[in-house]
Amino acid sequence: MPTTPRTRYPTALITLHWLTLALMLGVYALIELHDLLPKGGDARALVKAWHETLGVTVFAVVLLRLPLRLLLGVPPALATTPRWQHQLARAMHWALYGLLIAAPILGYLSLNAQGTPVPFFGLQMPVFIGPDRALMRQIKEIHEAVGTMGYWLIGLHAGAALAHHYLMHDDTLRRMGLSRPTPAALTPTPGTHRDTP
């Protein structure tokens, strides 16, 4: 029996997508606030601890999100979008996943190398490397570079989604939960692959 093509991402993936966005906004807002606060103050230390806690939370959400994507599947590519745009979007999505995995790991390891406990809602987090100031500085530099790249990746991703919604008037953004896709989105593009949430 033929089945109607899925036009929206599964609810679990939609929820985790917007949760990831909220967490990343918090991560970036906290580190920007941290840099504005006086050094050595309690407020600065608290803001940094929450930045680190949310970073670990981002990693945990991604660890849940990736296997769920494989288990639940995602909708086929939109019929109205050229193939090259699907390929570019797929590359951007995997770059974002790389950011969401690499940045928390690097931040976690930099705390280990600094000899500082990793804050995560009062839990005792495992230590993977011992204190090493030189290594800590190297990891921290890479972590900050990856974080800076994240501004661009997230900005480009958001800009592309808004362009699809307001300029191209297709269902790219609606498929991620903002509203119901239009009937035109029911027909997948021949020869295209599934998108990445």
N, C-alpha and C. Protein backbone atom coordinates (compact mmCIF):
# COMPACT_ATOMS: atom_id res chain seq x y z
N MET A 1 0.85 -1.19 0.00
CA MET A 1 0.00 0.00 0.00
C MET A 1 0.88 1.24 0.00
N PRO A 2 0.67 2.21 -0.94
CA PRO A 2 1.49 3.40 -0.97
C PRO A 2 1.25 4.26 0.27
N THR A 3 2.28 4.93 0.70
CA THR A 3 2.17 5.79 1.87
C THR A 3 2.39 7.23 1.47
N THR A 4 1.77 8.16 2.20
CA THR A 4 1.96 9.58 1.95
C THR A 4 3.35 10.00 2.40
N PRO A 5 4.12 10.67 1.54
CA PRO A 5 5.47 11.08 1.94
C PRO A 5 5.43 12.00 3.15
N ARG A 6 6.36 11.80 4.05
CA ARG A 6 6.46 12.66 5.22
C ARG A 6 6.91 14.05 4.78
N THR A 7 6.24 15.09 5.29
CA THR A 7 6.59 16.45 4.90
C THR A 7 7.23 17.23 6.05
N ARG A 8 7.15 16.70 7.26
CA ARG A 8 7.74 17.37 8.42
C ARG A 8 8.73 16.45 9.10
N TYR A 9 9.64 17.05 9.82
CA TYR A 9 10.54 16.25 10.64
C TYR A 9 9.75 15.65 11.79
N PRO A 10 10.18 14.51 12.31
CA PRO A 10 9.51 13.93 13.47
C PRO A 10 9.52 14.90 14.65
N THR A 11 8.48 14.82 15.48
CA THR A 11 8.34 15.75 16.59
C THR A 11 9.56 15.74 17.51
N ALA A 12 10.12 14.56 17.76
CA ALA A 12 11.29 14.48 18.63
C ALA A 12 12.46 15.26 18.06
N LEU A 13 12.68 15.16 16.75
CA LEU A 13 13.79 15.88 16.13
C LEU A 13 13.52 17.39 16.10
N ILE A 14 12.27 17.77 15.89
CA ILE A 14 11.92 19.19 15.93
C ILE A 14 12.21 19.76 17.32
N THR A 15 11.78 19.03 18.34
CA THR A 15 11.99 19.48 19.72
C THR A 15 13.47 19.62 20.03
N LEU A 16 14.26 18.62 19.65
CA LEU A 16 15.69 18.65 19.93
C LEU A 16 16.41 19.73 19.12
N HIS A 17 15.92 20.00 17.92
CA HIS A 17 16.50 21.08 17.10
C HIS A 17 16.37 22.42 17.80
N TRP A 18 15.15 22.74 18.26
CA TRP A 18 14.94 24.04 18.90
C TRP A 18 15.55 24.09 20.29
N LEU A 19 15.63 22.95 20.96
CA LEU A 19 16.33 22.91 22.25
C LEU A 19 17.82 23.18 22.04
N THR A 20 18.39 22.59 20.99
CA THR A 20 19.80 22.84 20.69
C THR A 20 20.04 24.32 20.42
N LEU A 21 19.15 24.94 19.65
CA LEU A 21 19.30 26.36 19.37
C LEU A 21 19.26 27.18 20.65
N ALA A 22 18.28 26.89 21.53
CA ALA A 22 18.16 27.62 22.78
C ALA A 22 19.43 27.47 23.63
N LEU A 23 19.94 26.26 23.70
CA LEU A 23 21.16 26.01 24.47
C LEU A 23 22.35 26.76 23.88
N MET A 24 22.48 26.75 22.55
CA MET A 24 23.61 27.44 21.92
C MET A 24 23.51 28.95 22.11
N LEU A 25 22.31 29.49 22.04
CA LEU A 25 22.15 30.92 22.32
C LEU A 25 22.59 31.23 23.75
N GLY A 26 22.23 30.35 24.68
CA GLY A 26 22.66 30.53 26.06
C GLY A 26 24.17 30.43 26.21
N VAL A 27 24.78 29.46 25.55
CA VAL A 27 26.24 29.27 25.61
C VAL A 27 26.96 30.53 25.13
N TYR A 28 26.54 31.04 23.99
CA TYR A 28 27.22 32.21 23.43
C TYR A 28 26.92 33.48 24.24
N ALA A 29 25.69 33.64 24.68
CA ALA A 29 25.35 34.82 25.49
C ALA A 29 26.15 34.84 26.79
N LEU A 30 26.31 33.67 27.41
CA LEU A 30 27.03 33.60 28.68
C LEU A 30 28.51 33.90 28.52
N ILE A 31 29.13 33.42 27.45
CA ILE A 31 30.57 33.68 27.29
C ILE A 31 30.80 35.14 26.93
N GLU A 32 29.86 35.76 26.20
CA GLU A 32 29.99 37.19 25.92
C GLU A 32 29.83 38.00 27.21
N LEU A 33 28.88 37.60 28.06
CA LEU A 33 28.69 38.27 29.34
C LEU A 33 29.90 38.07 30.24
N HIS A 34 30.45 36.86 30.22
CA HIS A 34 31.64 36.56 31.02
C HIS A 34 32.78 37.52 30.72
N ASP A 35 32.98 37.81 29.43
CA ASP A 35 34.08 38.68 29.04
C ASP A 35 33.86 40.13 29.46
N LEU A 36 32.62 40.50 29.74
CA LEU A 36 32.31 41.87 30.15
C LEU A 36 32.43 42.08 31.66
N LEU A 37 32.38 40.98 32.42
CA LEU A 37 32.38 41.09 33.87
C LEU A 37 33.80 41.23 34.41
N PRO A 38 33.96 41.86 35.58
CA PRO A 38 35.30 42.05 36.17
C PRO A 38 35.96 40.71 36.51
N LYS A 39 37.24 40.60 36.23
CA LYS A 39 37.98 39.38 36.53
C LYS A 39 38.05 39.17 38.04
N GLY A 40 37.94 37.91 38.45
CA GLY A 40 38.05 37.57 39.86
C GLY A 40 36.75 37.68 40.63
N GLY A 41 35.68 38.15 39.98
CA GLY A 41 34.41 38.32 40.69
C GLY A 41 33.59 37.04 40.70
N ASP A 42 32.69 36.95 41.69
CA ASP A 42 31.83 35.77 41.79
C ASP A 42 30.87 35.66 40.60
N ALA A 43 30.38 36.80 40.12
CA ALA A 43 29.44 36.79 39.00
C ALA A 43 30.11 36.22 37.75
N ARG A 44 31.35 36.61 37.51
CA ARG A 44 32.09 36.10 36.34
C ARG A 44 32.29 34.60 36.44
N ALA A 45 32.64 34.10 37.64
CA ALA A 45 32.83 32.66 37.83
C ALA A 45 31.52 31.90 37.64
N LEU A 46 30.43 32.47 38.14
CA LEU A 46 29.13 31.81 38.01
C LEU A 46 28.69 31.73 36.54
N VAL A 47 28.89 32.82 35.81
CA VAL A 47 28.52 32.85 34.40
C VAL A 47 29.34 31.83 33.61
N LYS A 48 30.63 31.73 33.93
CA LYS A 48 31.48 30.76 33.23
C LYS A 48 31.05 29.33 33.54
N ALA A 49 30.67 29.08 34.82
CA ALA A 49 30.22 27.74 35.20
C ALA A 49 28.97 27.35 34.43
N TRP A 50 28.04 28.30 34.25
CA TRP A 50 26.83 28.00 33.49
C TRP A 50 27.12 27.83 32.01
N HIS A 51 28.08 28.58 31.49
CA HIS A 51 28.52 28.38 30.11
C HIS A 51 29.01 26.95 29.92
N GLU A 52 29.79 26.47 30.85
CA GLU A 52 30.35 25.12 30.77
C GLU A 52 29.26 24.06 30.95
N THR A 53 28.34 24.31 31.86
CA THR A 53 27.24 23.37 32.08
C THR A 53 26.37 23.23 30.84
N LEU A 54 26.02 24.36 30.23
CA LEU A 54 25.20 24.31 29.02
C LEU A 54 25.97 23.67 27.87
N GLY A 55 27.29 23.86 27.84
CA GLY A 55 28.09 23.21 26.80
C GLY A 55 28.03 21.70 26.89
N VAL A 56 28.12 21.17 28.10
CA VAL A 56 28.00 19.73 28.29
C VAL A 56 26.60 19.26 27.92
N THR A 57 25.60 20.08 28.24
CA THR A 57 24.22 19.74 27.90
C THR A 57 24.03 19.67 26.39
N VAL A 58 24.64 20.60 25.64
CA VAL A 58 24.59 20.56 24.18
C VAL A 58 25.13 19.23 23.67
N PHE A 59 26.25 18.80 24.21
CA PHE A 59 26.85 17.54 23.78
C PHE A 59 25.91 16.37 24.05
N ALA A 60 25.28 16.37 25.22
CA ALA A 60 24.34 15.30 25.58
C ALA A 60 23.14 15.28 24.63
N VAL A 61 22.64 16.46 24.27
CA VAL A 61 21.50 16.54 23.36
C VAL A 61 21.88 16.01 21.97
N VAL A 62 23.09 16.34 21.51
CA VAL A 62 23.53 15.87 20.20
C VAL A 62 23.70 14.35 20.21
N LEU A 63 24.21 13.79 21.30
CA LEU A 63 24.34 12.34 21.41
C LEU A 63 22.99 11.64 21.33
N LEU A 64 21.94 12.31 21.77
CA LEU A 64 20.58 11.78 21.66
C LEU A 64 20.02 12.02 20.26
N ARG A 65 20.33 13.17 19.70
CA ARG A 65 19.73 13.59 18.44
C ARG A 65 20.19 12.75 17.24
N LEU A 66 21.47 12.43 17.19
CA LEU A 66 22.00 11.71 16.03
C LEU A 66 21.41 10.31 15.88
N PRO A 67 21.39 9.47 16.93
CA PRO A 67 20.77 8.16 16.76
C PRO A 67 19.27 8.24 16.51
N LEU A 68 18.60 9.25 17.08
CA LEU A 68 17.17 9.41 16.81
C LEU A 68 16.92 9.73 15.34
N ARG A 69 17.81 10.50 14.76
CA ARG A 69 17.67 10.80 13.33
C ARG A 69 17.73 9.52 12.51
N LEU A 70 18.66 8.64 12.85
CA LEU A 70 18.78 7.38 12.12
C LEU A 70 17.57 6.49 12.37
N LEU A 71 17.06 6.52 13.58
CA LEU A 71 15.93 5.66 13.94
C LEU A 71 14.62 6.16 13.34
N LEU A 72 14.36 7.46 13.43
CA LEU A 72 13.08 8.02 13.02
C LEU A 72 13.05 8.42 11.55
N GLY A 73 14.22 8.73 10.98
CA GLY A 73 14.26 9.19 9.60
C GLY A 73 13.83 10.64 9.48
N VAL A 74 14.04 11.21 8.30
CA VAL A 74 13.68 12.60 8.04
C VAL A 74 12.97 12.68 6.70
N PRO A 75 12.25 13.77 6.43
CA PRO A 75 11.50 13.86 5.18
C PRO A 75 12.39 13.97 3.95
N PRO A 76 11.87 13.58 2.78
CA PRO A 76 12.65 13.71 1.55
C PRO A 76 12.86 15.18 1.20
N ALA A 77 13.79 15.42 0.29
CA ALA A 77 14.10 16.78 -0.13
C ALA A 77 12.90 17.44 -0.78
N LEU A 78 12.80 18.74 -0.63
CA LEU A 78 11.70 19.49 -1.24
C LEU A 78 11.81 19.46 -2.76
N ALA A 79 10.64 19.38 -3.41
CA ALA A 79 10.62 19.34 -4.87
C ALA A 79 11.00 20.68 -5.49
N THR A 80 10.87 21.75 -4.72
CA THR A 80 11.07 23.09 -5.28
C THR A 80 12.50 23.61 -5.13
N THR A 81 13.37 22.85 -4.50
CA THR A 81 14.73 23.32 -4.23
C THR A 81 15.73 22.62 -5.14
N PRO A 82 16.64 23.38 -5.80
CA PRO A 82 17.63 22.76 -6.68
C PRO A 82 18.55 21.79 -5.93
N ARG A 83 19.06 20.83 -6.67
CA ARG A 83 19.91 19.80 -6.07
C ARG A 83 21.15 20.39 -5.40
N TRP A 84 21.75 21.43 -6.03
CA TRP A 84 22.97 21.99 -5.46
C TRP A 84 22.70 22.62 -4.09
N GLN A 85 21.49 23.14 -3.88
CA GLN A 85 21.15 23.70 -2.59
C GLN A 85 21.01 22.61 -1.53
N HIS A 86 20.47 21.46 -1.93
CA HIS A 86 20.39 20.33 -0.99
C HIS A 86 21.79 19.87 -0.58
N GLN A 87 22.70 19.82 -1.55
CA GLN A 87 24.06 19.38 -1.24
C GLN A 87 24.76 20.38 -0.33
N LEU A 88 24.56 21.67 -0.60
CA LEU A 88 25.17 22.70 0.24
C LEU A 88 24.57 22.66 1.65
N ALA A 89 23.26 22.47 1.73
CA ALA A 89 22.61 22.40 3.04
C ALA A 89 23.10 21.19 3.83
N ARG A 90 23.29 20.07 3.15
CA ARG A 90 23.78 18.86 3.83
C ARG A 90 25.18 19.09 4.40
N ALA A 91 26.04 19.75 3.60
CA ALA A 91 27.39 20.05 4.09
C ALA A 91 27.33 20.99 5.29
N MET A 92 26.45 21.98 5.24
CA MET A 92 26.31 22.92 6.36
C MET A 92 25.81 22.21 7.61
N HIS A 93 24.84 21.30 7.46
CA HIS A 93 24.32 20.57 8.61
C HIS A 93 25.39 19.73 9.29
N TRP A 94 26.21 19.04 8.49
CA TRP A 94 27.25 18.22 9.10
C TRP A 94 28.34 19.08 9.73
N ALA A 95 28.59 20.27 9.15
CA ALA A 95 29.54 21.19 9.78
C ALA A 95 29.00 21.65 11.14
N LEU A 96 27.70 21.88 11.21
CA LEU A 96 27.09 22.27 12.49
C LEU A 96 27.16 21.14 13.51
N TYR A 97 26.91 19.92 13.06
CA TYR A 97 27.05 18.78 13.98
C TYR A 97 28.50 18.68 14.48
N GLY A 98 29.46 18.92 13.58
CA GLY A 98 30.86 18.92 13.99
C GLY A 98 31.12 19.96 15.07
N LEU A 99 30.56 21.15 14.90
CA LEU A 99 30.68 22.20 15.92
C LEU A 99 30.08 21.76 17.24
N LEU A 100 28.87 21.20 17.19
CA LEU A 100 28.15 20.83 18.41
C LEU A 100 28.84 19.69 19.17
N ILE A 101 29.66 18.93 18.47
CA ILE A 101 30.41 17.85 19.12
C ILE A 101 31.79 18.32 19.56
N ALA A 102 32.49 19.02 18.66
CA ALA A 102 33.88 19.39 18.93
C ALA A 102 33.99 20.44 20.03
N ALA A 103 33.15 21.48 19.99
CA ALA A 103 33.29 22.57 20.95
C ALA A 103 33.11 22.09 22.40
N PRO A 104 32.06 21.30 22.72
CA PRO A 104 31.95 20.83 24.10
C PRO A 104 33.10 19.90 24.52
N ILE A 105 33.55 19.04 23.62
CA ILE A 105 34.66 18.14 23.96
C ILE A 105 35.92 18.94 24.28
N LEU A 106 36.21 19.93 23.43
CA LEU A 106 37.41 20.74 23.65
C LEU A 106 37.29 21.54 24.95
N GLY A 107 36.11 22.10 25.22
CA GLY A 107 35.92 22.82 26.46
C GLY A 107 36.08 21.92 27.68
N TYR A 108 35.54 20.72 27.58
CA TYR A 108 35.63 19.73 28.66
C TYR A 108 37.09 19.37 28.94
N LEU A 109 37.84 19.09 27.87
CA LEU A 109 39.24 18.68 28.03
C LEU A 109 40.11 19.83 28.53
N SER A 110 39.76 21.06 28.15
CA SER A 110 40.54 22.20 28.64
C SER A 110 40.37 22.35 30.15
N LEU A 111 39.16 22.08 30.65
CA LEU A 111 38.95 22.11 32.10
C LEU A 111 39.72 21.00 32.80
N ASN A 112 39.72 19.80 32.20
CA ASN A 112 40.52 18.69 32.74
C ASN A 112 41.99 19.09 32.82
N ALA A 113 42.52 19.65 31.74
CA ALA A 113 43.93 20.01 31.70
C ALA A 113 44.25 21.15 32.65
N GLN A 114 43.25 21.96 32.96
CA GLN A 114 43.44 23.04 33.92
C GLN A 114 43.35 22.53 35.36
N GLY A 115 42.86 21.30 35.52
CA GLY A 115 42.68 20.75 36.85
C GLY A 115 41.43 21.26 37.53
N THR A 116 40.46 21.70 36.71
CA THR A 116 39.21 22.27 37.23
C THR A 116 38.06 21.29 37.02
N PRO A 117 37.24 21.03 38.04
CA PRO A 117 36.10 20.14 37.85
C PRO A 117 35.14 20.68 36.79
N VAL A 118 34.54 19.77 36.05
CA VAL A 118 33.57 20.15 35.03
C VAL A 118 32.19 20.27 35.69
N PRO A 119 31.59 21.47 35.68
CA PRO A 119 30.28 21.63 36.34
C PRO A 119 29.16 21.06 35.48
N PHE A 120 28.31 20.25 36.11
CA PHE A 120 27.15 19.72 35.39
C PHE A 120 26.08 19.34 36.38
N PHE A 121 25.35 20.34 36.86
CA PHE A 121 24.22 20.16 37.76
C PHE A 121 24.59 19.34 39.00
N GLY A 122 25.78 19.59 39.53
CA GLY A 122 26.21 18.96 40.76
C GLY A 122 26.76 17.55 40.62
N LEU A 123 26.79 17.00 39.41
CA LEU A 123 27.31 15.65 39.21
C LEU A 123 28.83 15.64 39.17
N GLN A 124 29.41 14.53 39.58
CA GLN A 124 30.85 14.34 39.51
C GLN A 124 31.20 13.81 38.13
N MET A 125 31.77 14.65 37.29
CA MET A 125 32.06 14.28 35.92
C MET A 125 33.44 13.62 35.83
N PRO A 126 33.60 12.64 34.94
CA PRO A 126 34.88 11.94 34.82
C PRO A 126 36.00 12.84 34.29
N VAL A 127 37.22 12.50 34.65
CA VAL A 127 38.41 13.24 34.19
C VAL A 127 39.16 12.35 33.20
N PHE A 128 39.43 12.89 32.01
CA PHE A 128 40.07 12.10 30.96
C PHE A 128 41.56 12.42 30.79
N ILE A 129 41.98 13.60 31.19
CA ILE A 129 43.40 13.96 31.13
C ILE A 129 43.77 14.71 32.40
N GLY A 130 45.03 14.57 32.81
CA GLY A 130 45.50 15.22 34.02
C GLY A 130 45.88 16.67 33.77
N PRO A 131 46.14 17.41 34.86
CA PRO A 131 46.51 18.82 34.72
C PRO A 131 47.77 19.01 33.87
N ASP A 132 47.70 19.93 32.95
CA ASP A 132 48.83 20.24 32.06
C ASP A 132 48.59 21.63 31.50
N ARG A 133 49.28 22.64 32.03
CA ARG A 133 49.00 24.02 31.67
C ARG A 133 49.26 24.30 30.19
N ALA A 134 50.36 23.73 29.65
CA ALA A 134 50.67 23.98 28.24
C ALA A 134 49.60 23.36 27.34
N LEU A 135 49.19 22.14 27.67
CA LEU A 135 48.15 21.48 26.89
C LEU A 135 46.82 22.22 27.03
N MET A 136 46.55 22.71 28.23
CA MET A 136 45.31 23.46 28.46
C MET A 136 45.25 24.69 27.56
N ARG A 137 46.36 25.41 27.44
CA ARG A 137 46.36 26.61 26.60
C ARG A 137 46.12 26.25 25.13
N GLN A 138 46.72 25.15 24.68
CA GLN A 138 46.53 24.73 23.29
C GLN A 138 45.07 24.35 23.02
N ILE A 139 44.50 23.56 23.93
CA ILE A 139 43.11 23.13 23.75
C ILE A 139 42.18 24.33 23.82
N LYS A 140 42.46 25.26 24.73
CA LYS A 140 41.60 26.43 24.88
C LYS A 140 41.62 27.29 23.62
N GLU A 141 42.79 27.43 23.00
CA GLU A 141 42.88 28.21 21.77
C GLU A 141 42.05 27.58 20.65
N ILE A 142 42.12 26.25 20.55
CA ILE A 142 41.33 25.56 19.52
C ILE A 142 39.84 25.69 19.83
N HIS A 143 39.50 25.53 21.11
CA HIS A 143 38.10 25.67 21.54
C HIS A 143 37.54 27.04 21.16
N GLU A 144 38.32 28.08 21.40
CA GLU A 144 37.87 29.43 21.09
C GLU A 144 37.76 29.65 19.59
N ALA A 145 38.70 29.05 18.82
CA ALA A 145 38.63 29.17 17.36
C ALA A 145 37.39 28.48 16.81
N VAL A 146 37.10 27.29 17.35
CA VAL A 146 35.89 26.57 16.92
C VAL A 146 34.64 27.36 17.31
N GLY A 147 34.66 27.95 18.49
CA GLY A 147 33.53 28.76 18.93
C GLY A 147 33.30 29.96 18.01
N THR A 148 34.39 30.59 17.58
CA THR A 148 34.26 31.72 16.65
C THR A 148 33.69 31.25 15.32
N MET A 149 34.13 30.10 14.83
CA MET A 149 33.56 29.55 13.60
C MET A 149 32.06 29.30 13.77
N GLY A 150 31.67 28.94 14.99
CA GLY A 150 30.26 28.67 15.26
C GLY A 150 29.36 29.86 15.02
N TYR A 151 29.86 31.07 15.32
CA TYR A 151 29.06 32.27 15.04
C TYR A 151 28.69 32.31 13.56
N TRP A 152 29.66 32.04 12.71
CA TRP A 152 29.43 32.08 11.26
C TRP A 152 28.52 30.95 10.80
N LEU A 153 28.78 29.74 11.29
CA LEU A 153 27.97 28.60 10.87
C LEU A 153 26.51 28.77 11.27
N ILE A 154 26.28 29.16 12.52
CA ILE A 154 24.91 29.33 13.00
C ILE A 154 24.24 30.49 12.27
N GLY A 155 24.99 31.57 12.07
CA GLY A 155 24.43 32.71 11.35
C GLY A 155 24.05 32.38 9.92
N LEU A 156 24.93 31.65 9.21
CA LEU A 156 24.64 31.26 7.84
C LEU A 156 23.44 30.30 7.78
N HIS A 157 23.40 29.37 8.73
CA HIS A 157 22.29 28.41 8.78
C HIS A 157 20.95 29.14 9.00
N ALA A 158 20.93 30.06 9.96
CA ALA A 158 19.71 30.81 10.23
C ALA A 158 19.35 31.70 9.06
N GLY A 159 20.35 32.35 8.46
CA GLY A 159 20.10 33.21 7.32
C GLY A 159 19.52 32.45 6.14
N ALA A 160 20.07 31.25 5.88
CA ALA A 160 19.56 30.43 4.78
C ALA A 160 18.11 30.01 5.03
N ALA A 161 17.80 29.63 6.27
CA ALA A 161 16.43 29.23 6.60
C ALA A 161 15.45 30.39 6.40
N LEU A 162 15.86 31.58 6.83
CA LEU A 162 14.99 32.75 6.66
C LEU A 162 14.84 33.13 5.19
N ALA A 163 15.93 32.97 4.42
CA ALA A 163 15.85 33.26 2.99
C ALA A 163 14.87 32.32 2.30
N HIS A 164 14.92 31.04 2.66
CA HIS A 164 13.98 30.07 2.09
C HIS A 164 12.54 30.45 2.43
N HIS A 165 12.34 30.94 3.65
CA HIS A 165 10.98 31.23 4.11
C HIS A 165 10.43 32.52 3.51
N TYR A 166 11.24 33.59 3.53
CA TYR A 166 10.72 34.90 3.16
C TYR A 166 11.03 35.30 1.71
N LEU A 167 12.08 34.73 1.12
CA LEU A 167 12.43 35.10 -0.26
C LEU A 167 12.00 34.04 -1.27
N MET A 168 12.28 32.77 -0.94
CA MET A 168 11.91 31.68 -1.85
C MET A 168 10.51 31.15 -1.59
N HIS A 169 9.97 31.46 -0.40
CA HIS A 169 8.59 31.07 -0.05
C HIS A 169 8.35 29.56 -0.16
N ASP A 170 9.36 28.78 0.30
CA ASP A 170 9.15 27.34 0.30
C ASP A 170 8.95 26.85 1.74
N ASP A 171 8.94 25.53 1.94
CA ASP A 171 8.56 24.95 3.23
C ASP A 171 9.74 24.52 4.10
N THR A 172 10.93 24.98 3.77
CA THR A 172 12.11 24.56 4.54
C THR A 172 11.93 24.83 6.02
N LEU A 173 11.54 26.04 6.39
CA LEU A 173 11.39 26.39 7.80
C LEU A 173 10.15 25.76 8.41
N ARG A 174 9.08 25.66 7.64
CA ARG A 174 7.85 25.06 8.16
C ARG A 174 8.04 23.59 8.52
N ARG A 175 8.89 22.90 7.79
CA ARG A 175 9.11 21.47 8.05
C ARG A 175 9.76 21.24 9.41
N MET A 176 10.39 22.30 9.96
CA MET A 176 11.01 22.16 11.28
C MET A 176 10.08 22.65 12.38
N GLY A 177 8.75 22.77 12.06
CA GLY A 177 7.78 22.93 13.12
C GLY A 177 7.09 24.25 13.28
N LEU A 178 7.42 25.27 12.46
CA LEU A 178 6.79 26.57 12.66
C LEU A 178 5.35 26.60 12.15
N SER A 179 5.04 25.80 11.13
CA SER A 179 3.67 25.68 10.63
C SER A 179 3.61 24.49 9.70
N ARG A 180 2.41 24.16 9.23
CA ARG A 180 2.26 23.00 8.36
C ARG A 180 2.79 23.30 6.96
N PRO A 181 3.53 22.35 6.36
CA PRO A 181 4.01 22.55 5.00
C PRO A 181 2.85 22.62 4.01
N THR A 182 3.08 23.26 2.87
CA THR A 182 2.07 23.35 1.82
C THR A 182 2.01 22.05 1.05
N PRO A 183 0.91 21.78 0.32
CA PRO A 183 0.79 20.53 -0.43
C PRO A 183 1.91 20.33 -1.44
N ALA A 184 2.52 21.41 -1.97
CA ALA A 184 3.58 21.27 -2.96
C ALA A 184 4.79 20.53 -2.40
N ALA A 185 4.93 20.55 -1.08
CA ALA A 185 6.08 19.88 -0.48
C ALA A 185 5.94 18.37 -0.43
N LEU A 186 4.77 17.86 -0.81
CA LEU A 186 4.55 16.42 -0.75
C LEU A 186 5.40 15.67 -1.77
N THR A 187 5.76 16.30 -2.86
CA THR A 187 6.46 15.62 -3.93
C THR A 187 7.96 15.80 -3.78
N PRO A 188 8.73 14.73 -3.51
CA PRO A 188 10.17 14.86 -3.37
C PRO A 188 10.82 15.11 -4.72
N THR A 189 11.98 15.74 -4.71
CA THR A 189 12.74 15.95 -5.92
C THR A 189 13.34 14.64 -6.39
N PRO A 190 13.13 14.25 -7.68
CA PRO A 190 13.71 12.99 -8.17
C PRO A 190 15.22 12.99 -8.04
N GLY A 191 15.73 11.88 -7.53
CA GLY A 191 17.18 11.71 -7.44
C GLY A 191 17.83 12.40 -6.26
N THR A 192 17.02 13.04 -5.39
CA THR A 192 17.61 13.71 -4.23
C THR A 192 17.57 12.78 -3.03
N HIS A 193 18.38 13.14 -2.02
CA HIS A 193 18.45 12.34 -0.80
C HIS A 193 17.70 13.06 0.31
N ARG A 194 17.59 12.40 1.40
CA ARG A 194 16.94 13.01 2.55
C ARG A 194 17.83 14.10 3.12
N ASP A 195 17.16 15.11 3.70
CA ASP A 195 17.89 16.18 4.35
C ASP A 195 18.38 15.73 5.71
N THR A 196 19.26 16.54 6.29
CA THR A 196 19.73 16.32 7.65
C THR A 196 19.07 17.32 8.57
N PRO A 197 18.48 16.91 9.69
CA PRO A 197 17.81 17.87 10.57
C PRO A 197 18.80 18.79 11.24
